[in-house]
PDB file of N, CA and C in Angstrom:
ATOM      1  N   MET A   1       0.923  -1.062   0.033  1.00  0.00           N
ATOM      2  CA  MET A   1       0.126   0.110   0.044  1.00  0.00           C
ATOM      3  C   MET A   1       0.823   1.559  -0.358  1.00  0.00           C
ATOM      4  N   SER A   2       1.732   1.219   0.690  1.00  0.00           N
ATOM      5  CA  SER A   2       3.196   2.166   0.832  1.00  0.00           C
ATOM      6  C   SER A   2       3.595   2.639  -0.622  1.00  0.00           C
ATOM      7  N   ASP A   3       3.931   1.277  -1.298  1.00  0.00           N
ATOM      8  CA  ASP A   3       4.327   1.748  -2.345  1.00  0.00           C
ATOM      9  C   ASP A   3       3.770   2.478  -3.356  1.00  0.00           C
ATOM     10  N   TYR A   4       2.185   1.968  -3.486  1.00  0.00           N
ATOM     11  CA  TYR A   4       1.171   2.331  -4.431  1.00  0.00           C
ATOM     12  C   TYR A   4       1.700   3.742  -3.605  1.00  0.00           C
ATOM     13  N   LEU A   5       1.133   4.003  -2.821  1.00  0.00           N
ATOM     14  CA  LEU A   5       0.863   5.244  -2.256  1.00  0.00           C
ATOM     15  C   LEU A   5       1.791   6.763  -3.129  1.00  0.00           C
ATOM     16  N   ARG A   6       3.388   6.095  -2.731  1.00  0.00           N
ATOM     17  CA  ARG A   6       4.166   7.063  -3.382  1.00  0.00           C
ATOM     18  C   ARG A   6       4.096   6.688  -4.530  1.00  0.00           C
ATOM     19  N   VAL A   7       4.035   5.856  -5.116  1.00  0.00           N
ATOM     20  CA  VAL A   7       3.811   6.184  -6.623  1.00  0.00           C
ATOM     21  C   VAL A   7       3.155   7.062  -7.202  1.00  0.00           C
ATOM     22  N   HIS A   8       1.736   7.019  -6.367  1.00  0.00           N
ATOM     23  CA  HIS A   8       1.293   7.899  -6.506  1.00  0.00           C
ATOM     24  C   HIS A   8       1.216   9.524  -6.501  1.00  0.00           C
ATOM     25  N   GLY A   9       2.357   9.694  -6.094  1.00  0.00           N
ATOM     26  CA  GLY A   9       2.363  11.267  -5.320  1.00  0.00           C
ATOM     27  C   GLY A   9       2.351  11.185  -3.901  1.00  0.00           C
ATOM     28  N   TYR A  10       2.371  10.184  -3.612  1.00  0.00           N
ATOM     29  CA  TYR A  10       2.102  11.132  -1.917  1.00  0.00           C
ATOM     30  C   TYR A  10       3.388  10.497  -0.913  1.00  0.00           C
ATOM     31  N   GLN A  11       3.766  11.539   0.161  1.00  0.00           N
ATOM     32  CA  GLN A  11       4.469  10.780   1.007  1.00  0.00           C
ATOM     33  C   GLN A  11       4.171  10.238   1.955  1.00  0.00           C
ATOM     34  N   VAL A  12       4.189   9.326   2.376  1.00  0.00           N
ATOM     35  CA  VAL A  12       4.268   8.063   3.375  1.00  0.00           C
ATOM     36  C   VAL A  12       4.987   7.809   4.655  1.00  0.00           C
ATOM     37  N   VAL A  13       4.381   8.039   5.534  1.00  0.00           N
ATOM     38  CA  VAL A  13       4.917   8.014   6.901  1.00  0.00           C
ATOM     39  C   VAL A  13       4.553   7.247   7.574  1.00  0.00           C
ATOM     40  N   VAL A  14       5.037   5.993   7.866  1.00  0.00           N
ATOM     41  CA  VAL A  14       4.434   4.707   8.495  1.00  0.00           C
ATOM     42  C   VAL A  14       4.856   4.765  10.297  1.00  0.00           C
ATOM     43  N   ALA A  15       3.788   4.176  10.970  1.00  0.00           N
ATOM     44  CA  ALA A  15       3.476   3.715  12.040  1.00  0.00           C
ATOM     45  C   ALA A  15       3.652   3.003  12.521  1.00  0.00           C
ATOM     46  N   ARG A  16       4.519   1.530  13.571  1.00  0.00           N
ATOM     47  CA  ARG A  16       3.776   0.510  13.492  1.00  0.00           C
ATOM     48  C   ARG A  16       2.757  -0.169  14.777  1.00  0.00           C
ATOM     49  N   ASP A  17       2.277   0.751  15.210  1.00  0.00           N
ATOM     50  CA  ASP A  17       1.264   0.963  16.233  1.00  0.00           C
ATOM     51  C   ASP A  17       0.395   2.039  16.430  1.00  0.00           C
ATOM     52  N   GLY A  18      -0.229   2.242  17.658  1.00  0.00           N
ATOM     53  CA  GLY A  18      -0.926   3.423  17.392  1.00  0.00           C
ATOM     54  C   GLY A  18      -0.282   4.380  18.398  1.00  0.00           C
ATOM     55  N   VAL A  19       0.509   4.191  19.502  1.00  0.00           N
ATOM     56  CA  VAL A  19       1.088   4.970  20.280  1.00  0.00           C
ATOM     57  C   VAL A  19       2.473   5.873  18.834  1.00  0.00           C
ATOM     58  N   GLU A  20       2.829   5.066  18.450  1.00  0.00           N
ATOM     59  CA  GLU A  20       3.664   5.618  17.577  1.00  0.00           C
ATOM     60  C   GLU A  20       2.955   6.696  16.480  1.00  0.00           C
ATOM     61  N   ALA A  21       2.018   5.711  16.227  1.00  0.00           N
ATOM     62  CA  ALA A  21       0.974   7.124  15.014  1.00  0.00           C
ATOM     63  C   ALA A  21       0.620   8.442  15.844  1.00  0.00           C
ATOM     64  N   ILE A  22       0.146   8.383  17.121  1.00  0.00           N
ATOM     65  CA  ILE A  22       0.117  10.009  17.576  1.00  0.00           C
ATOM     66  C   ILE A  22       1.262  10.316  17.631  1.00  0.00           C
ATOM     67  N   ALA A  23       2.288  10.062  17.998  1.00  0.00           N
ATOM     68  CA  ALA A  23       3.947  10.478  18.018  1.00  0.00           C
ATOM     69  C   ALA A  23       3.985  11.180  16.417  1.00  0.00           C
ATOM     70  N   GLN A  24       4.113  10.123  15.522  1.00  0.00           N
ATOM     71  CA  GLN A  24       4.695  10.522  14.432  1.00  0.00           C
ATOM     72  C   GLN A  24       2.948  12.044  13.567  1.00  0.00           C
ATOM     73  N   THR A  25       1.963  11.374  14.315  1.00  0.00           N
ATOM     74  CA  THR A  25       1.260  12.752  13.842  1.00  0.00           C
ATOM     75  C   THR A  25       2.009  13.959  14.720  1.00  0.00           C
ATOM     76  N   ARG A  26       1.790  13.801  15.961  1.00  0.00           N
ATOM     77  CA  ARG A  26       2.764  14.989  16.452  1.00  0.00           C
ATOM     78  C   ARG A  26       3.432  16.077  15.427  1.00  0.00           C
ATOM     79  N   ILE A  27       4.460  14.988  15.332  1.00  0.00           N
ATOM     80  CA  ILE A  27       5.695  15.367  14.510  1.00  0.00           C
ATOM     81  C   ILE A  27       5.695  16.345  13.255  1.00  0.00           C
ATOM     82  N   HIS A  28       4.895  14.912  12.661  1.00  0.00           N
ATOM     83  CA  HIS A  28       4.585  15.276  10.778  1.00  0.00           C
ATOM     84  C   HIS A  28       3.297  16.234  10.541  1.00  0.00           C
ATOM     85  N   ARG A  29       2.276  16.206  10.993  1.00  0.00           N
ATOM     86  CA  ARG A  29       1.240  16.925  10.895  1.00  0.00           C
ATOM     87  C   ARG A  29       1.113  16.536   9.775  1.00  0.00           C
ATOM     88  N   PRO A  30       0.080  15.150   9.330  1.00  0.00           N
ATOM     89  CA  PRO A  30      -0.125  14.859   8.386  1.00  0.00           C
ATOM     90  C   PRO A  30      -1.809  15.047   7.870  1.00  0.00           C
ATOM     91  N   SER A  31      -1.305  15.636   6.142  1.00  0.00           N
ATOM     92  CA  SER A  31      -2.894  16.378   5.477  1.00  0.00           C
ATOM     93  C   SER A  31      -4.124  14.881   5.383  1.00  0.00           C
ATOM     94  N   LEU A  32      -3.478  13.765   5.912  1.00  0.00           N
ATOM     95  CA  LEU A  32      -4.311  12.625   5.767  1.00  0.00           C
ATOM     96  C   LEU A  32      -3.889  11.625   6.762  1.00  0.00           C
ATOM     97  N   ILE A  33      -4.406  11.122   7.278  1.00  0.00           N
ATOM     98  CA  ILE A  33      -4.132   9.291   8.244  1.00  0.00           C
ATOM     99  C   ILE A  33      -5.001   8.125   8.014  1.00  0.00           C
ATOM    100  N   LEU A  34      -4.258   7.076   7.411  1.00  0.00           N
ATOM    101  CA  LEU A  34      -4.756   6.505   7.118  1.00  0.00           C
ATOM    102  C   LEU A  34      -4.276   4.809   8.452  1.00  0.00           C
ATOM    103  N   MET A  35      -5.615   4.918   8.878  1.00  0.00           N
ATOM    104  CA  MET A  35      -5.592   4.203  10.634  1.00  0.00           C
ATOM    105  C   MET A  35      -5.980   2.715  10.621  1.00  0.00           C
ATOM    106  N   ASP A  36      -4.916   1.634  10.653  1.00  0.00           N
ATOM    107  CA  ASP A  36      -4.885   0.377  10.457  1.00  0.00           C
ATOM    108  C   ASP A  36      -5.784   0.245  12.243  1.00  0.00           C
ATOM    109  N   ILE A  37      -7.039  -0.549  12.184  1.00  0.00           N
ATOM    110  CA  ILE A  37      -7.540  -0.479  13.373  1.00  0.00           C
ATOM    111  C   ILE A  37      -7.299  -1.456  14.355  1.00  0.00           C
ATOM    112  N   GLN A  38      -6.432  -2.781  13.622  1.00  0.00           N
ATOM    113  CA  GLN A  38      -5.981  -4.219  14.632  1.00  0.00           C
ATOM    114  C   GLN A  38      -4.236  -3.720  14.718  1.00  0.00           C
ATOM    115  N   MET A  39      -3.905  -2.924  15.871  1.00  0.00           N
ATOM    116  CA  MET A  39      -2.330  -2.698  15.493  1.00  0.00           C
ATOM    117  C   MET A  39      -1.915  -2.699  16.823  1.00  0.00           C
ATOM    118  N   PRO A  40      -0.401  -3.050  17.218  1.00  0.00           N
ATOM    119  CA  PRO A  40      -0.321  -3.667  18.544  1.00  0.00           C
ATOM    120  C   PRO A  40      -0.314  -2.650  19.632  1.00  0.00           C
ATOM    121  N   VAL A  41       0.334  -2.790  20.907  1.00  0.00           N
ATOM    122  CA  VAL A  41       0.293  -1.552  21.476  1.00  0.00           C
ATOM    123  C   VAL A  41      -0.934  -0.931  22.114  1.00  0.00           C
ATOM    124  N   MET A  42      -1.135   0.294  21.186  1.00  0.00           N
ATOM    125  CA  MET A  42      -2.897   0.876  21.069  1.00  0.00           C
ATOM    126  C   MET A  42      -3.367   0.495  20.066  1.00  0.00           C
ATOM    127  N   ASP A  43      -4.706   0.065  20.404  1.00  0.00           N
ATOM    128  CA  ASP A  43      -5.655   0.139  18.727  1.00  0.00           C
ATOM    129  C   ASP A  43      -5.703   0.854  17.638  1.00  0.00           C
ATOM    130  N   GLY A  44      -6.009   1.008  16.566  1.00  0.00           N
ATOM    131  CA  GLY A  44      -6.413   1.789  16.092  1.00  0.00           C
ATOM    132  C   GLY A  44      -7.218   2.802  16.463  1.00  0.00           C
ATOM    133  N   THR A  45      -7.946   2.475  17.217  1.00  0.00           N
ATOM    134  CA  THR A  45      -9.556   3.309  17.233  1.00  0.00           C
ATOM    135  C   THR A  45      -9.111   3.721  18.526  1.00  0.00           C
ATOM    136  N   GLU A  46      -8.697   3.347  19.111  1.00  0.00           N
ATOM    137  CA  GLU A  46      -7.836   4.614  20.799  1.00  0.00           C
ATOM    138  C   GLU A  46      -7.538   5.396  20.427  1.00  0.00           C
ATOM    139  N   ALA A  47      -6.304   5.297  19.360  1.00  0.00           N
ATOM    140  CA  ALA A  47      -5.230   6.385  18.447  1.00  0.00           C
ATOM    141  C   ALA A  47      -5.809   7.293  18.335  1.00  0.00           C
ATOM    142  N   ILE A  48      -6.834   7.227  17.316  1.00  0.00           N
ATOM    143  CA  ILE A  48      -7.868   7.582  16.463  1.00  0.00           C
ATOM    144  C   ILE A  48      -8.640   8.987  17.795  1.00  0.00           C
ATOM    145  N   ARG A  49      -9.115   8.209  18.809  1.00  0.00           N
ATOM    146  CA  ARG A  49      -9.567   9.227  19.828  1.00  0.00           C
ATOM    147  C   ARG A  49      -8.678  10.063  20.756  1.00  0.00           C
ATOM    148  N   GLN A  50      -7.016   9.496  20.462  1.00  0.00           N
ATOM    149  CA  GLN A  50      -6.359  10.475  21.008  1.00  0.00           C
ATOM    150  C   GLN A  50      -5.229  11.288  20.134  1.00  0.00           C
ATOM    151  N   ILE A  51      -5.986  11.029  18.951  1.00  0.00           N
ATOM    152  CA  ILE A  51      -5.365  11.960  18.211  1.00  0.00           C
ATOM    153  C   ILE A  51      -6.363  13.646  18.287  1.00  0.00           C
ATOM    154  N   ARG A  52      -7.664  12.913  18.042  1.00  0.00           N
ATOM    155  CA  ARG A  52      -8.686  14.222  18.216  1.00  0.00           C
ATOM    156  C   ARG A  52      -9.087  14.543  19.544  1.00  0.00           C
ATOM    157  N   ALA A  53      -8.221  14.438  20.585  1.00  0.00           N
ATOM    158  CA  ALA A  53      -8.091  15.064  21.581  1.00  0.00           C
ATOM    159  C   ALA A  53      -6.415  16.046  21.935  1.00  0.00           C
ATOM    160  N   ILE A  54      -5.549  15.791  20.067  1.00  0.00           N
ATOM    161  CA  ILE A  54      -4.430  17.161  20.510  1.00  0.00           C
ATOM    162  C   ILE A  54      -5.302  18.295  20.697  1.00  0.00           C
ATOM    163  N   PRO A  55      -5.169  19.787  21.367  1.00  0.00           N
ATOM    164  CA  PRO A  55      -5.816  20.317  21.124  1.00  0.00           C
ATOM    165  C   PRO A  55      -5.584  21.260  19.625  1.00  0.00           C
ATOM    166  N   ASP A  56      -4.247  21.372  19.589  1.00  0.00           N
ATOM    167  CA  ASP A  56      -3.623  22.480  18.941  1.00  0.00           C
ATOM    168  C   ASP A  56      -3.397  21.541  17.130  1.00  0.00           C
ATOM    169  N   LEU A  57      -4.328  20.229  17.230  1.00  0.00           N
ATOM    170  CA  LEU A  57      -4.017  19.512  15.529  1.00  0.00           C
ATOM    171  C   LEU A  57      -5.387  19.894  15.144  1.00  0.00           C
ATOM    172  N   PRO A  58      -5.091  20.391  13.670  1.00  0.00           N
ATOM    173  CA  PRO A  58      -6.375  20.861  12.957  1.00  0.00           C
ATOM    174  C   PRO A  58      -7.039  19.583  12.362  1.00  0.00           C
ATOM    175  N   ALA A  59      -8.336  19.534  12.366  1.00  0.00           N
ATOM    176  CA  ALA A  59      -8.986  18.613  12.288  1.00  0.00           C
ATOM    177  C   ALA A  59      -8.911  17.291  10.963  1.00  0.00           C
ATOM    178  N   ILE A  60      -7.824  16.518  11.094  1.00  0.00           N
ATOM    179  CA  ILE A  60      -7.149  15.743   9.913  1.00  0.00           C
ATOM    180  C   ILE A  60      -8.067  15.078   9.416  1.00  0.00           C
ATOM    181  N   PRO A  61      -8.830  15.347   8.129  1.00  0.00           N
ATOM    182  CA  PRO A  61      -8.804  13.584   7.515  1.00  0.00           C
ATOM    183  C   PRO A  61      -8.450  11.870   8.055  1.00  0.00           C
ATOM    184  N   ILE A  62      -9.521  11.308   8.846  1.00  0.00           N
ATOM    185  CA  ILE A  62      -8.793   9.847   9.092  1.00  0.00           C
ATOM    186  C   ILE A  62      -9.916   8.292   8.616  1.00  0.00           C
ATOM    187  N   ILE A  63      -8.874   7.886   8.081  1.00  0.00           N
ATOM    188  CA  ILE A  63      -9.826   7.121   7.042  1.00  0.00           C
ATOM    189  C   ILE A  63      -9.422   5.464   7.770  1.00  0.00           C
ATOM    190  N   ALA A  64     -10.355   5.221   8.893  1.00  0.00           N
ATOM    191  CA  ALA A  64      -9.892   3.649   9.300  1.00  0.00           C
ATOM    192  C   ALA A  64     -10.164   2.503   8.563  1.00  0.00           C
ATOM    193  N   LEU A  65      -9.059   1.899   8.766  1.00  0.00           N
ATOM    194  CA  LEU A  65      -8.912   0.516   7.613  1.00  0.00           C
ATOM    195  C   LEU A  65      -9.388  -0.654   8.434  1.00  0.00           C
ATOM    196  N   THR A  66     -10.111  -1.604   8.437  1.00  0.00           N
ATOM    197  CA  THR A  66     -10.026  -3.175   9.027  1.00  0.00           C
ATOM    198  C   THR A  66     -10.224  -3.655   8.434  1.00  0.00           C
ATOM    199  N   SER A  67      -9.612  -5.251   8.824  1.00  0.00           N
ATOM    200  CA  SER A  67      -9.966  -6.514   7.991  1.00  0.00           C
ATOM    201  C   SER A  67     -10.718  -7.354   9.140  1.00  0.00           C
ATOM    202  N   LEU A  68     -11.115  -6.756   9.520  1.00  0.00           N
ATOM    203  CA  LEU A  68     -12.457  -7.610  10.366  1.00  0.00           C
ATOM    204  C   LEU A  68     -13.859  -6.341  10.373  1.00  0.00           C
ATOM    205  N   ALA A  69     -14.656  -7.255   9.485  1.00  0.00           N
ATOM    206  CA  ALA A  69     -15.544  -5.979   9.168  1.00  0.00           C
ATOM    207  C   ALA A  69     -16.929  -6.797   9.842  1.00  0.00           C
ATOM    208  N   MET A  70     -16.946  -6.651  11.410  1.00  0.00           N
ATOM    209  CA  MET A  70     -17.724  -6.928  11.888  1.00  0.00           C
ATOM    210  C   MET A  70     -18.943  -6.220  12.048  1.00  0.00           C
ATOM    211  N   PRO A  71     -20.385  -6.266  12.747  1.00  0.00           N
ATOM    212  CA  PRO A  71     -21.875  -5.484  12.708  1.00  0.00           C
ATOM    213  C   PRO A  71     -20.669  -4.692  13.425  1.00  0.00           C
ATOM    214  N   GLY A  72     -21.067  -3.540  13.936  1.00  0.00           N
ATOM    215  CA  GLY A  72     -20.976  -1.751  14.443  1.00  0.00           C
ATOM    216  C   GLY A  72     -19.580  -1.433  14.727  1.00  0.00           C
ATOM    217  N   ASP A  73     -18.716  -2.644  13.697  1.00  0.00           N
ATOM    218  CA  ASP A  73     -17.084  -1.785  13.144  1.00  0.00           C
ATOM    219  C   ASP A  73     -17.095  -0.092  12.956  1.00  0.00           C
ATOM    220  N   ARG A  74     -18.027  -0.076  12.010  1.00  0.00           N
ATOM    221  CA  ARG A  74     -18.166   1.072  11.451  1.00  0.00           C
ATOM    222  C   ARG A  74     -18.116   2.256  11.950  1.00  0.00           C
ATOM    223  N   GLU A  75     -19.407   1.801  13.092  1.00  0.00           N
ATOM    224  CA  GLU A  75     -20.227   2.952  13.496  1.00  0.00           C
ATOM    225  C   GLU A  75     -18.972   3.239  15.242  1.00  0.00           C
ATOM    226  N   ARG A  76     -18.419   1.930  15.482  1.00  0.00           N
ATOM    227  CA  ARG A  76     -17.461   2.233  16.383  1.00  0.00           C
ATOM    228  C   ARG A  76     -16.498   3.366  15.806  1.00  0.00           C
ATOM    229  N   CYS A  77     -15.696   3.101  14.724  1.00  0.00           N
ATOM    230  CA  CYS A  77     -14.907   3.804  14.365  1.00  0.00           C
ATOM    231  C   CYS A  77     -15.032   5.547  14.008  1.00  0.00           C
ATOM    232  N   LEU A  78     -16.007   5.433  13.401  1.00  0.00           N
ATOM    233  CA  LEU A  78     -16.568   6.675  13.237  1.00  0.00           C
ATOM    234  C   LEU A  78     -16.958   7.535  14.478  1.00  0.00           C
ATOM    235  N   ARG A  79     -17.652   6.950  15.183  1.00  0.00           N
ATOM    236  CA  ARG A  79     -17.909   7.741  16.555  1.00  0.00           C
ATOM    237  C   ARG A  79     -16.692   7.890  17.591  1.00  0.00           C
ATOM    238  N   ALA A  80     -15.263   7.251  17.182  1.00  0.00           N
ATOM    239  CA  ALA A  80     -13.926   7.346  17.570  1.00  0.00           C
ATOM    240  C   ALA A  80     -13.523   9.050  16.997  1.00  0.00           C
ATOM    241  N   GLY A  81     -13.600   8.891  15.605  1.00  0.00           N
ATOM    242  CA  GLY A  81     -13.262  10.037  15.157  1.00  0.00           C
ATOM    243  C   GLY A  81     -12.749   9.750  14.088  1.00  0.00           C
ATOM    244  N   ALA A  82     -13.319   8.530  13.173  1.00  0.00           N
ATOM    245  CA  ALA A  82     -12.684   8.466  12.094  1.00  0.00           C
ATOM    246  C   ALA A  82     -13.717   9.657  10.798  1.00  0.00           C
ATOM    247  N   SER A  83     -12.913   9.747   9.831  1.00  0.00           N
ATOM    248  CA  SER A  83     -13.854  10.343   8.757  1.00  0.00           C
ATOM    249  C   SER A  83     -14.254   9.283   7.987  1.00  0.00           C
ATOM    250  N   SER A  84     -14.011   8.249   7.888  1.00  0.00           N
ATOM    251  CA  SER A  84     -14.323   7.083   6.732  1.00  0.00           C
ATOM    252  C   SER A  84     -13.704   6.061   7.138  1.00  0.00           C
ATOM    253  N   TYR A  85     -14.654   4.755   6.884  1.00  0.00           N
ATOM    254  CA  TYR A  85     -14.301   3.393   7.427  1.00  0.00           C
ATOM    255  C   TYR A  85     -14.207   2.738   5.891  1.00  0.00           C
ATOM    256  N   VAL A  86     -13.056   1.932   6.324  1.00  0.00           N
ATOM    257  CA  VAL A  86     -12.813   0.712   4.815  1.00  0.00           C
ATOM    258  C   VAL A  86     -12.748  -0.465   5.305  1.00  0.00           C
ATOM    259  N   SER A  87     -13.165  -1.493   4.741  1.00  0.00           N
ATOM    260  CA  SER A  87     -12.753  -2.571   5.121  1.00  0.00           C
ATOM    261  C   SER A  87     -11.786  -3.316   4.593  1.00  0.00           C
ATOM    262  N   LYS A  88     -11.353  -4.229   4.433  1.00  0.00           N
ATOM    263  CA  LYS A  88      -9.944  -4.413   3.647  1.00  0.00           C
ATOM    264  C   LYS A  88     -10.502  -6.183   3.489  1.00  0.00           C
ATOM    265  N   PRO A  89     -10.112  -6.600   2.360  1.00  0.00           N
ATOM    266  CA  PRO A  89      -8.970  -5.687   1.099  1.00  0.00           C
ATOM    267  C   PRO A  89      -9.445  -4.806   0.837  1.00  0.00           C
ATOM    268  N   VAL A  90      -8.900  -3.730   0.078  1.00  0.00           N
ATOM    269  CA  VAL A  90      -9.221  -2.092   0.062  1.00  0.00           C
ATOM    270  C   VAL A  90      -9.040  -2.320  -1.645  1.00  0.00           C
ATOM    271  N   SER A  91      -9.524  -1.939  -3.014  1.00  0.00           N
ATOM    272  CA  SER A  91      -9.418  -1.962  -4.365  1.00  0.00           C
ATOM    273  C   SER A  91      -8.199  -0.363  -3.642  1.00  0.00           C
ATOM    274  N   LEU A  92      -7.191  -0.687  -4.365  1.00  0.00           N
ATOM    275  CA  LEU A  92      -5.870   0.571  -4.389  1.00  0.00           C
ATOM    276  C   LEU A  92      -6.213   2.064  -4.667  1.00  0.00           C
ATOM    277  N   GLN A  93      -6.820   1.421  -5.970  1.00  0.00           N
ATOM    278  CA  GLN A  93      -7.739   2.888  -6.645  1.00  0.00           C
ATOM    279  C   GLN A  93      -8.758   3.705  -6.142  1.00  0.00           C
ATOM    280  N   ARG A  94      -9.259   2.430  -5.498  1.00  0.00           N
ATOM    281  CA  ARG A  94     -10.977   3.339  -4.469  1.00  0.00           C
ATOM    282  C   ARG A  94     -10.262   3.985  -3.489  1.00  0.00           C
ATOM    283  N   LEU A  95      -9.118   2.949  -2.750  1.00  0.00           N
ATOM    284  CA  LEU A  95      -8.734   3.951  -1.473  1.00  0.00           C
ATOM    285  C   LEU A  95      -8.055   5.312  -2.173  1.00  0.00           C
ATOM    286  N   VAL A  96      -6.953   5.623  -3.005  1.00  0.00           N
ATOM    287  CA  VAL A  96      -7.085   6.758  -3.609  1.00  0.00           C
ATOM    288  C   VAL A  96      -8.061   7.695  -3.883  1.00  0.00           C
ATOM    289  N   GLN A  97      -8.941   7.330  -4.617  1.00  0.00           N
ATOM    290  CA  GLN A  97     -10.136   7.822  -5.072  1.00  0.00           C
ATOM    291  C   GLN A  97     -10.498   8.668  -3.433  1.00  0.00           C
ATOM    292  N   LEU A  98     -10.759   8.057  -2.504  1.00  0.00           N
ATOM    293  CA  LEU A  98     -11.284   8.001  -1.421  1.00  0.00           C
ATOM    294  C   LEU A  98     -10.211   9.714  -0.576  1.00  0.00           C
ATOM    295  N   ILE A  99      -8.905   8.919  -0.734  1.00  0.00           N
ATOM    296  CA  ILE A  99      -8.008   9.691  -0.033  1.00  0.00           C
ATOM    297  C   ILE A  99      -8.453  11.280  -0.534  1.00  0.00           C
ATOM    298  N   GLU A 100      -8.131  11.495  -2.167  1.00  0.00           N
ATOM    299  CA  GLU A 100      -8.372  12.614  -2.620  1.00  0.00           C
ATOM    300  C   GLU A 100      -9.595  13.275  -2.497  1.00  0.00           C
ATOM    301  N   GLN A 101     -10.661  12.242  -2.375  1.00  0.00           N
ATOM    302  CA  GLN A 101     -12.011  13.215  -1.743  1.00  0.00           C
ATOM    303  C   GLN A 101     -12.055  14.140  -0.312  1.00  0.00           C
ATOM    304  N   HIS A 102     -11.343  13.102   0.386  1.00  0.00           N
ATOM    305  CA  HIS A 102     -11.081  13.743   1.744  1.00  0.00           C
ATOM    306  C   HIS A 102      -9.529  15.033   1.188  1.00  0.00           C
ATOM    307  N   LEU A 103      -9.149  14.877   0.306  1.00  0.00           N
ATOM    308  CA  LEU A 103      -8.205  16.229   0.466  1.00  0.00           C
ATOM    309  C   LEU A 103      -8.603  17.397  -0.777  1.00  0.00           C
ATOM    310  N   LEU A 104      -9.553  17.426  -1.172  1.00  0.00           N
ATOM    311  CA  LEU A 104     -10.409  18.612  -1.675  1.00  0.00           C
ATOM    312  C   LEU A 104     -10.730  18.966  -0.965  1.00  0.00           C
ATOM    313  N   PRO A 105     -10.279  20.796  -0.983  1.00  0.00           N
ATOM    314  CA  PRO A 105     -10.638  21.922  -0.686  1.00  0.00           C
ATOM    315  C   PRO A 105     -12.231  21.705  -0.649  1.00  0.00           C
ATOM    316  N   VAL A 106     -12.584  22.559   0.736  1.00  0.00           N
ATOM    317  CA  VAL A 106     -14.106  22.564   0.777  1.00  0.00           C
ATOM    318  C   VAL A 106     -14.752  23.693   0.605  1.00  0.00           C
ATOM    319  N   GLY A 107     -15.409  23.965  -0.185  1.00  0.00           N
ATOM    320  CA  GLY A 107     -15.968  25.473  -1.240  1.00  0.00           C
ATOM    321  C   GLY A 107     -16.023  25.198  -1.994  1.00  0.00           C
TER     322      GLY A 107
END
């Protein structure tokens, strides 16, 4: 996924777990976050909650990605603060379209 996004012109910063995702967000202040929900140390849902609680951080779009598409997962991710929810496997072309939708200027 990272290679595909880089080929399409995106700069990619990878975090191995939720704690690292929060730290990378503070450092890099990305335009968009792809958050895997099943991560070690701290899951993606909790990482989303904590990112949303950072007071000086702008409202970064967060796309939640999960391989477990259980009933209620989408709602749980959106309640945590995700902007969108996608279950894996995801079409990389569709993912780029979703990213572009979130990055389009409003207005």
